[in-house]
């Protein structure tokens, strides 16, 4: 049905991407990655670094909690996982 057609399109796209990637590698159109690391002996401190760490940490926690809540509601709506009534810890 509809989900089978979507999966077929996704599988076709994956095969096309794999074919293009392998062809490009065989023809050496993809250059090898040259990564250079520079190690400095002095410490560079950026301004407001504590604020940045707290902002990123808070945003990550919020996003994780949001995704967990939405995932749990999705599982419960589709009756994949329904908590039993016996799990009360009164």
PDB file of N, CA and C in Angstrom:
ATOM      1  N   UNK A   1       0.828  -1.176   0.000  1.00  0.00           N
ATOM      2  CA  UNK A   1       0.000   0.000   0.000  1.00  0.00           C
ATOM      3  C   UNK A   1       0.880   1.251   0.000  1.00  0.00           C
ATOM      4  N   UNK A   2       0.443   2.274   0.725  1.00  0.00           N
ATOM      5  CA  UNK A   2       1.158   3.553   0.705  1.00  0.00           C
ATOM      6  C   UNK A   2       2.540   3.441   1.347  1.00  0.00           C
ATOM      7  N   UNK A   3       2.651   2.724   2.484  1.00  0.00           N
ATOM      8  CA  UNK A   3       3.945   2.606   3.153  1.00  0.00           C
ATOM      9  C   UNK A   3       4.914   1.735   2.348  1.00  0.00           C
ATOM     10  N   UNK A   4       4.390   0.750   1.624  1.00  0.00           N
ATOM     11  CA  UNK A   4       5.251  -0.091   0.784  1.00  0.00           C
ATOM     12  C   UNK A   4       5.853   0.723  -0.355  1.00  0.00           C
ATOM     13  N   UNK A   5       5.036   1.611  -0.951  1.00  0.00           N
ATOM     14  CA  UNK A   5       5.555   2.454  -2.030  1.00  0.00           C
ATOM     15  C   UNK A   5       6.614   3.409  -1.516  1.00  0.00           C
ATOM     16  N   UNK A   6       6.402   3.936  -0.309  1.00  0.00           N
ATOM     17  CA  UNK A   6       7.393   4.845   0.278  1.00  0.00           C
ATOM     18  C   UNK A   6       8.686   4.100   0.559  1.00  0.00           C
ATOM     19  N   UNK A   7       8.589   2.867   1.063  1.00  0.00           N
ATOM     20  CA  UNK A   7       9.781   2.069   1.331  1.00  0.00           C
ATOM     21  C   UNK A   7      10.502   1.708   0.040  1.00  0.00           C
ATOM     22  N   UNK A   8       9.733   1.423  -1.036  1.00  0.00           N
ATOM     23  CA  UNK A   8      10.346   1.119  -2.323  1.00  0.00           C
ATOM     24  C   UNK A   8      11.104   2.335  -2.864  1.00  0.00           C
ATOM     25  N   UNK A   9      10.515   3.521  -2.712  1.00  0.00           N
ATOM     26  CA  UNK A   9      11.191   4.740  -3.164  1.00  0.00           C
ATOM     27  C   UNK A   9      12.447   4.995  -2.357  1.00  0.00           C
ATOM     28  N   UNK A  10      12.389   4.736  -1.050  1.00  0.00           N
ATOM     29  CA  UNK A  10      13.554   4.918  -0.189  1.00  0.00           C
ATOM     30  C   UNK A  10      14.654   3.930  -0.552  1.00  0.00           C
ATOM     31  N   UNK A  11      14.284   2.693  -0.813  1.00  0.00           N
ATOM     32  CA  UNK A  11      15.269   1.682  -1.208  1.00  0.00           C
ATOM     33  C   UNK A  11      15.897   2.036  -2.549  1.00  0.00           C
ATOM     34  N   UNK A  12      15.093   2.538  -3.479  1.00  0.00           N
ATOM     35  CA  UNK A  12      15.625   2.948  -4.776  1.00  0.00           C
ATOM     36  C   UNK A  12      16.599   4.110  -4.623  1.00  0.00           C
ATOM     37  N   UNK A  13      16.248   5.084  -3.789  1.00  0.00           N
ATOM     38  CA  UNK A  13      17.136   6.225  -3.564  1.00  0.00           C
ATOM     39  C   UNK A  13      18.447   5.769  -2.929  1.00  0.00           C
ATOM     40  N   UNK A  14      18.381   4.819  -2.017  1.00  0.00           N
ATOM     41  CA  UNK A  14      19.597   4.309  -1.380  1.00  0.00           C
ATOM     42  C   UNK A  14      20.483   3.595  -2.391  1.00  0.00           C
ATOM     43  N   UNK A  15      19.872   2.812  -3.285  1.00  0.00           N
ATOM     44  CA  UNK A  15      20.671   2.125  -4.301  1.00  0.00           C
ATOM     45  C   UNK A  15      21.309   3.093  -5.275  1.00  0.00           C
ATOM     46  N   UNK A  16      20.579   4.139  -5.662  1.00  0.00           N
ATOM     47  CA  UNK A  16      21.139   5.147  -6.572  1.00  0.00           C
ATOM     48  C   UNK A  16      22.302   5.871  -5.903  1.00  0.00           C
ATOM     49  N   UNK A  17      22.128   6.243  -4.632  1.00  0.00           N
ATOM     50  CA  UNK A  17      23.201   6.928  -3.906  1.00  0.00           C
ATOM     51  C   UNK A  17      24.432   6.037  -3.777  1.00  0.00           C
ATOM     52  N   UNK A  18      24.231   4.762  -3.458  1.00  0.00           N
ATOM     53  CA  UNK A  18      25.361   3.837  -3.328  1.00  0.00           C
ATOM     54  C   UNK A  18      26.063   3.652  -4.668  1.00  0.00           C
ATOM     55  N   UNK A  19      25.308   3.584  -5.739  1.00  0.00           N
ATOM     56  CA  UNK A  19      25.894   3.416  -7.072  1.00  0.00           C
ATOM     57  C   UNK A  19      26.701   4.644  -7.460  1.00  0.00           C
ATOM     58  N   UNK A  20      26.151   5.835  -7.226  1.00  0.00           N
ATOM     59  CA  UNK A  20      26.882   7.057  -7.558  1.00  0.00           C
ATOM     60  C   UNK A  20      28.156   7.190  -6.731  1.00  0.00           C
ATOM     61  N   UNK A  21      28.076   6.834  -5.447  1.00  0.00           N
ATOM     62  CA  UNK A  21      29.244   6.923  -4.577  1.00  0.00           C
ATOM     63  C   UNK A  21      30.327   5.955  -5.022  1.00  0.00           C
ATOM     64  N   UNK A  22      29.951   4.717  -5.301  1.00  0.00           N
ATOM     65  CA  UNK A  22      30.962   3.741  -5.706  1.00  0.00           C
ATOM     66  C   UNK A  22      31.565   4.106  -7.061  1.00  0.00           C
ATOM     67  N   UNK A  23      30.757   4.658  -7.967  1.00  0.00           N
ATOM     68  CA  UNK A  23      31.278   5.083  -9.271  1.00  0.00           C
ATOM     69  C   UNK A  23      32.268   6.231  -9.108  1.00  0.00           C
ATOM     70  N   UNK A  24      31.942   7.184  -8.253  1.00  0.00           N
ATOM     71  CA  UNK A  24      32.835   8.327  -8.036  1.00  0.00           C
ATOM     72  C   UNK A  24      34.147   7.872  -7.413  1.00  0.00           C
ATOM     73  N   UNK A  25      34.094   6.913  -6.510  1.00  0.00           N
ATOM     74  CA  UNK A  25      35.323   6.421  -5.872  1.00  0.00           C
ATOM     75  C   UNK A  25      36.156   5.650  -6.886  1.00  0.00           C
ATOM     76  N   UNK A  26      35.504   4.833  -7.702  1.00  0.00           N
ATOM     77  CA  UNK A  26      36.237   4.076  -8.717  1.00  0.00           C
ATOM     78  C   UNK A  26      36.921   5.001  -9.719  1.00  0.00           C
ATOM     79  N   UNK A  27      36.280   6.086 -10.078  1.00  0.00           N
ATOM     80  CA  UNK A  27      36.845   7.020 -11.048  1.00  0.00           C
ATOM     81  C   UNK A  27      37.756   8.058 -10.395  1.00  0.00           C
ATOM     82  N   UNK A  28      38.009   7.915  -9.111  1.00  0.00           N
ATOM     83  CA  UNK A  28      38.893   8.804  -8.347  1.00  0.00           C
ATOM     84  C   UNK A  28      38.449  10.259  -8.420  1.00  0.00           C
ATOM     85  N   UNK A  29      37.148  10.479  -8.434  1.00  0.00           N
ATOM     86  CA  UNK A  29      36.637  11.844  -8.406  1.00  0.00           C
ATOM     87  C   UNK A  29      36.567  12.375  -6.980  1.00  0.00           C
ATOM     88  N   UNK A  30      36.643  11.467  -6.027  1.00  0.00           N
ATOM     89  CA  UNK A  30      36.593  11.863  -4.632  1.00  0.00           C
ATOM     90  C   UNK A  30      38.017  11.873  -4.095  1.00  0.00           C
ATOM     91  N   UNK A  31      38.476  13.024  -3.650  1.00  0.00           N
ATOM     92  CA  UNK A  31      39.835  13.144  -3.125  1.00  0.00           C
ATOM     93  C   UNK A  31      39.882  12.586  -1.712  1.00  0.00           C
ATOM     94  N   UNK A  32      41.001  11.973  -1.337  1.00  0.00           N
ATOM     95  CA  UNK A  32      41.126  11.496   0.039  1.00  0.00           C
ATOM     96  C   UNK A  32      41.139  12.675   1.004  1.00  0.00           C
ATOM     97  N   UNK A  33      40.617  12.447   2.169  1.00  0.00           N
ATOM     98  CA  UNK A  33      40.522  13.528   3.159  1.00  0.00           C
ATOM     99  C   UNK A  33      41.895  13.805   3.758  1.00  0.00           C
ATOM    100  N   UNK A  34      42.320  15.037   3.677  1.00  0.00           N
ATOM    101  CA  UNK A  34      43.554  15.459   4.316  1.00  0.00           C
ATOM    102  C   UNK A  34      43.187  16.280   5.541  1.00  0.00           C
ATOM    103  N   UNK A  35      43.457  15.730   6.701  1.00  0.00           N
ATOM    104  CA  UNK A  35      43.103  16.403   7.940  1.00  0.00           C
ATOM    105  C   UNK A  35      44.388  16.759   8.667  1.00  0.00           C
ATOM    106  N   UNK A  36      44.507  18.030   9.014  1.00  0.00           N
ATOM    107  CA  UNK A  36      45.681  18.499   9.741  1.00  0.00           C
ATOM    108  C   UNK A  36      45.233  19.034  11.089  1.00  0.00           C
ATOM    109  N   UNK A  37      45.919  18.596  12.134  1.00  0.00           N
ATOM    110  CA  UNK A  37      45.618  19.070  13.469  1.00  0.00           C
ATOM    111  C   UNK A  37      46.775  19.937  13.948  1.00  0.00           C
ATOM    112  N   UNK A  38      46.452  21.034  14.556  1.00  0.00           N
ATOM    113  CA  UNK A  38      47.467  21.911  15.110  1.00  0.00           C
ATOM    114  C   UNK A  38      47.277  21.951  16.619  1.00  0.00           C
ATOM    115  N   UNK A  39      48.348  21.681  17.335  1.00  0.00           N
ATOM    116  CA  UNK A  39      48.292  21.696  18.787  1.00  0.00           C
ATOM    117  C   UNK A  39      49.029  22.937  19.268  1.00  0.00           C
ATOM    118  N   UNK A  40      48.334  23.730  20.049  1.00  0.00           N
ATOM    119  CA  UNK A  40      48.922  24.949  20.567  1.00  0.00           C
ATOM    120  C   UNK A  40      49.232  24.765  22.043  1.00  0.00           C
ATOM    121  N   UNK A  41      50.308  25.401  22.504  1.00  0.00           N
ATOM    122  CA  UNK A  41      50.696  25.263  23.901  1.00  0.00           C
ATOM    123  C   UNK A  41      49.960  26.241  24.807  1.00  0.00           C
ATOM    124  N   UNK A  42      49.361  27.279  24.252  1.00  0.00           N
ATOM    125  CA  UNK A  42      48.653  28.230  25.091  1.00  0.00           C
ATOM    126  C   UNK A  42      47.142  27.988  25.034  1.00  0.00           C
ATOM    127  N   UNK A  43      46.480  28.306  26.130  1.00  0.00           N
ATOM    128  CA  UNK A  43      45.042  28.102  26.239  1.00  0.00           C
ATOM    129  C   UNK A  43      44.318  29.337  25.742  1.00  0.00           C
ATOM    130  N   UNK A  44      43.334  29.120  24.908  1.00  0.00           N
ATOM    131  CA  UNK A  44      42.539  30.220  24.386  1.00  0.00           C
ATOM    132  C   UNK A  44      41.170  30.130  25.040  1.00  0.00           C
ATOM    133  N   UNK A  45      40.779  31.169  25.758  1.00  0.00           N
ATOM    134  CA  UNK A  45      39.481  31.190  26.413  1.00  0.00           C
ATOM    135  C   UNK A  45      38.561  32.132  25.657  1.00  0.00           C
ATOM    136  N   UNK A  46      37.425  31.626  25.306  1.00  0.00           N
ATOM    137  CA  UNK A  46      36.473  32.456  24.576  1.00  0.00           C
ATOM    138  C   UNK A  46      35.586  33.192  25.570  1.00  0.00           C
ATOM    139  N   UNK A  47      35.142  34.366  25.249  1.00  0.00           N
ATOM    140  CA  UNK A  47      34.266  35.093  26.161  1.00  0.00           C
ATOM    141  C   UNK A  47      32.905  34.414  26.271  1.00  0.00           C
ATOM    142  N   UNK A  48      32.324  34.493  27.459  1.00  0.00           N
ATOM    143  CA  UNK A  48      31.005  33.911  27.731  1.00  0.00           C
ATOM    144  C   UNK A  48      30.979  32.400  27.539  1.00  0.00           C
ATOM    145  N   UNK A  49      32.095  31.728  27.798  1.00  0.00           N
ATOM    146  CA  UNK A  49      32.135  30.283  27.564  1.00  0.00           C
ATOM    147  C   UNK A  49      31.215  29.536  28.521  1.00  0.00           C
ATOM    148  N   UNK A  50      31.098  29.993  29.770  1.00  0.00           N
ATOM    149  CA  UNK A  50      30.199  29.327  30.713  1.00  0.00           C
ATOM    150  C   UNK A  50      28.748  29.471  30.251  1.00  0.00           C
ATOM    151  N   UNK A  51      28.390  30.633  29.784  1.00  0.00           N
ATOM    152  CA  UNK A  51      27.035  30.849  29.261  1.00  0.00           C
ATOM    153  C   UNK A  51      26.757  29.933  28.071  1.00  0.00           C
ATOM    154  N   UNK A  52      27.735  29.786  27.189  1.00  0.00           N
ATOM    155  CA  UNK A  52      27.547  28.926  26.010  1.00  0.00           C
ATOM    156  C   UNK A  52      27.341  27.471  26.421  1.00  0.00           C
ATOM    157  N   UNK A  53      28.141  27.012  27.398  1.00  0.00           N
ATOM    158  CA  UNK A  53      28.016  25.629  27.865  1.00  0.00           C
ATOM    159  C   UNK A  53      26.641  25.404  28.484  1.00  0.00           C
ATOM    160  N   UNK A  54      26.194  26.343  29.319  1.00  0.00           N
ATOM    161  CA  UNK A  54      24.880  26.203  29.953  1.00  0.00           C
ATOM    162  C   UNK A  54      23.757  26.274  28.920  1.00  0.00           C
ATOM    163  N   UNK A  55      23.885  27.144  27.936  1.00  0.00           N
ATOM    164  CA  UNK A  55      22.849  27.266  26.910  1.00  0.00           C
ATOM    165  C   UNK A  55      22.747  25.991  26.080  1.00  0.00           C
ATOM    166  N   UNK A  56      23.877  25.450  25.654  1.00  0.00           N
ATOM    167  CA  UNK A  56      23.866  24.219  24.859  1.00  0.00           C
ATOM    168  C   UNK A  56      23.366  23.053  25.692  1.00  0.00           C
ATOM    169  N   UNK A  57      23.816  22.974  26.958  1.00  0.00           N
ATOM    170  CA  UNK A  57      23.362  21.893  27.837  1.00  0.00           C
ATOM    171  C   UNK A  57      21.869  21.957  28.083  1.00  0.00           C
ATOM    172  N   UNK A  58      21.356  23.146  28.355  1.00  0.00           N
ATOM    173  CA  UNK A  58      19.923  23.299  28.587  1.00  0.00           C
ATOM    174  C   UNK A  58      19.105  22.966  27.356  1.00  0.00           C
ATOM    175  N   UNK A  59      19.568  23.433  26.207  1.00  0.00           N
ATOM    176  CA  UNK A  59      18.856  23.137  24.962  1.00  0.00           C
ATOM    177  C   UNK A  59      18.876  21.634  24.657  1.00  0.00           C
ATOM    178  N   UNK A  60      19.986  20.977  24.925  1.00  0.00           N
ATOM    179  CA  UNK A  60      20.083  19.536  24.686  1.00  0.00           C
ATOM    180  C   UNK A  60      19.149  18.764  25.606  1.00  0.00           C
ATOM    181  N   UNK A  61      19.109  19.149  26.887  1.00  0.00           N
ATOM    182  CA  UNK A  61      18.200  18.476  27.823  1.00  0.00           C
ATOM    183  C   UNK A  61      16.743  18.675  27.422  1.00  0.00           C
ATOM    184  N   UNK A  62      16.402  19.894  27.029  1.00  0.00           N
ATOM    185  CA  UNK A  62      15.025  20.171  26.617  1.00  0.00           C
ATOM    186  C   UNK A  62      14.657  19.351  25.383  1.00  0.00           C
ATOM    187  N   UNK A  63      15.545  19.313  24.393  1.00  0.00           N
ATOM    188  CA  UNK A  63      15.271  18.563  23.176  1.00  0.00           C
ATOM    189  C   UNK A  63      15.137  17.072  23.474  1.00  0.00           C
ATOM    190  N   UNK A  64      16.017  16.540  24.332  1.00  0.00           N
ATOM    191  CA  UNK A  64      15.933  15.131  24.693  1.00  0.00           C
ATOM    192  C   UNK A  64      14.642  14.792  25.411  1.00  0.00           C
ATOM    193  N   UNK A  65      14.225  15.657  26.340  1.00  0.00           N
ATOM    194  CA  UNK A  65      12.971  15.425  27.068  1.00  0.00           C
ATOM    195  C   UNK A  65      11.781  15.509  26.126  1.00  0.00           C
ATOM    196  N   UNK A  66      11.806  16.462  25.215  1.00  0.00           N
ATOM    197  CA  UNK A  66      10.718  16.610  24.248  1.00  0.00           C
ATOM    198  C   UNK A  66      10.597  15.373  23.364  1.00  0.00           C
ATOM    199  N   UNK A  67      11.735  14.897  22.848  1.00  0.00           N
ATOM    200  CA  UNK A  67      11.711  13.714  21.982  1.00  0.00           C
ATOM    201  C   UNK A  67      11.256  12.475  22.746  1.00  0.00           C
ATOM    202  N   UNK A  68      11.669  12.336  24.010  1.00  0.00           N
ATOM    203  CA  UNK A  68      11.247  11.190  24.813  1.00  0.00           C
ATOM    204  C   UNK A  68       9.745  11.229  25.066  1.00  0.00           C
ATOM    205  N   UNK A  69       9.221  12.409  25.378  1.00  0.00           N
ATOM    206  CA  UNK A  69       7.785  12.540  25.643  1.00  0.00           C
ATOM    207  C   UNK A  69       6.984  12.222  24.381  1.00  0.00           C
ATOM    208  N   UNK A  70       7.413  12.772  23.243  1.00  0.00           N
ATOM    209  CA  UNK A  70       6.695  12.515  21.989  1.00  0.00           C
ATOM    210  C   UNK A  70       6.798  11.047  21.584  1.00  0.00           C
ATOM    211  N   UNK A  71       7.960  10.439  21.796  1.00  0.00           N
ATOM    212  CA  UNK A  71       8.116   9.018  21.473  1.00  0.00           C
ATOM    213  C   UNK A  71       7.232   8.143  22.329  1.00  0.00           C
ATOM    214  N   UNK A  72       7.142   8.458  23.629  1.00  0.00           N
ATOM    215  CA  UNK A  72       6.286   7.677  24.523  1.00  0.00           C
ATOM    216  C   UNK A  72       4.817   7.813  24.136  1.00  0.00           C
ATOM    217  N   UNK A  73       4.406   9.025  23.785  1.00  0.00           N
ATOM    218  CA  UNK A  73       3.002   9.199  23.392  1.00  0.00           C
ATOM    219  C   UNK A  73       2.712   8.486  22.066  1.00  0.00           C
ATOM    220  N   UNK A  74       3.673   8.473  21.149  1.00  0.00           N
ATOM    221  CA  UNK A  74       3.497   7.757  19.886  1.00  0.00           C
ATOM    222  C   UNK A  74       3.334   6.258  20.135  1.00  0.00           C
ATOM    223  N   UNK A  75       4.192   5.701  21.006  1.00  0.00           N
ATOM    224  CA  UNK A  75       4.103   4.269  21.305  1.00  0.00           C
ATOM    225  C   UNK A  75       2.779   3.927  21.973  1.00  0.00           C
ATOM    226  N   UNK A  76       2.308   4.807  22.855  1.00  0.00           N
ATOM    227  CA  UNK A  76       1.053   4.537  23.544  1.00  0.00           C
ATOM    228  C   UNK A  76      -0.146   4.687  22.610  1.00  0.00           C
ATOM    229  N   UNK A  77      -0.135   5.680  21.725  1.00  0.00           N
ATOM    230  CA  UNK A  77      -1.243   5.877  20.786  1.00  0.00           C
ATOM    231  C   UNK A  77      -1.386   4.703  19.832  1.00  0.00           C
ATOM    232  N   UNK A  78      -0.270   4.160  19.385  1.00  0.00           N
ATOM    233  CA  UNK A  78      -0.307   3.048  18.437  1.00  0.00           C
ATOM    234  C   UNK A  78      -0.335   1.692  19.125  1.00  0.00           C
ATOM    235  N   UNK A  79      -0.526   1.707  20.434  1.00  0.00           N
ATOM    236  CA  UNK A  79      -0.629   0.498  21.249  1.00  0.00           C
ATOM    237  C   UNK A  79       0.558  -0.434  21.069  1.00  0.00           C
ATOM    238  N   UNK A  80       1.729   0.140  20.873  1.00  0.00           N
ATOM    239  CA  UNK A  80       2.955  -0.653  20.807  1.00  0.00           C
ATOM    240  C   UNK A  80       3.421  -0.951  22.224  1.00  0.00           C
ATOM    241  N   UNK A  81       3.338   0.060  23.087  1.00  0.00           N
ATOM    242  CA  UNK A  81       3.650  -0.124  24.497  1.00  0.00           C
ATOM    243  C   UNK A  81       2.617   0.633  25.300  1.00  0.00           C
ATOM    244  N   UNK A  82       1.882  -0.093  26.131  1.00  0.00           N
ATOM    245  CA  UNK A  82       0.881   0.516  27.000  1.00  0.00           C
ATOM    246  C   UNK A  82       1.234   0.126  28.421  1.00  0.00           C
ATOM    247  N   UNK A  83       1.498   1.097  29.305  1.00  0.00           N
ATOM    248  CA  UNK A  83       1.839   0.752  30.688  1.00  0.00           C
ATOM    249  C   UNK A  83       0.665   0.045  31.372  1.00  0.00           C
ATOM    250  N   UNK A  84       0.986  -0.957  32.165  1.00  0.00           N
ATOM    251  CA  UNK A  84      -0.080  -1.683  32.861  1.00  0.00           C
ATOM    252  C   UNK A  84      -0.514  -0.911  34.102  1.00  0.00           C
ATOM    253  N   UNK A  85      -1.705  -1.243  34.585  1.00  0.00           N
ATOM    254  CA  UNK A  85      -2.252  -0.560  35.766  1.00  0.00           C
ATOM    255  C   UNK A  85      -1.555  -1.011  37.041  1.00  0.00           C
ATOM    256  N   UNK A  86      -0.852  -2.147  37.035  1.00  0.00           N
ATOM    257  CA  UNK A  86      -0.221  -2.698  38.230  1.00  0.00           C
ATOM    258  C   UNK A  86       1.084  -1.997  38.580  1.00  0.00           C
ATOM    259  N   UNK A  87       1.553  -1.060  37.766  1.00  0.00           N
ATOM    260  CA  UNK A  87       2.841  -0.432  37.982  1.00  0.00           C
ATOM    261  C   UNK A  87       2.793   0.743  38.944  1.00  0.00           C
ATOM    262  N   UNK A  88       1.697   0.928  39.672  1.00  0.00           N
ATOM    263  CA  UNK A  88       1.601   2.033  40.631  1.00  0.00           C
ATOM    264  C   UNK A  88       2.493   1.772  41.830  1.00  0.00           C
ATOM    265  N   UNK A  89       3.234   2.774  42.243  1.00  0.00           N
ATOM    266  CA  UNK A  89       4.129   2.637  43.405  1.00  0.00           C
ATOM    267  C   UNK A  89       3.586   3.426  44.582  1.00  0.00           C
ATOM    268  N   UNK A  90       2.302   3.309  44.868  1.00  0.00           N
ATOM    269  CA  UNK A  90       1.688   4.068  45.965  1.00  0.00           C
ATOM    270  C   UNK A  90       2.174   3.614  47.305  1.00  0.00           C
TER     271      UNK A  90
END
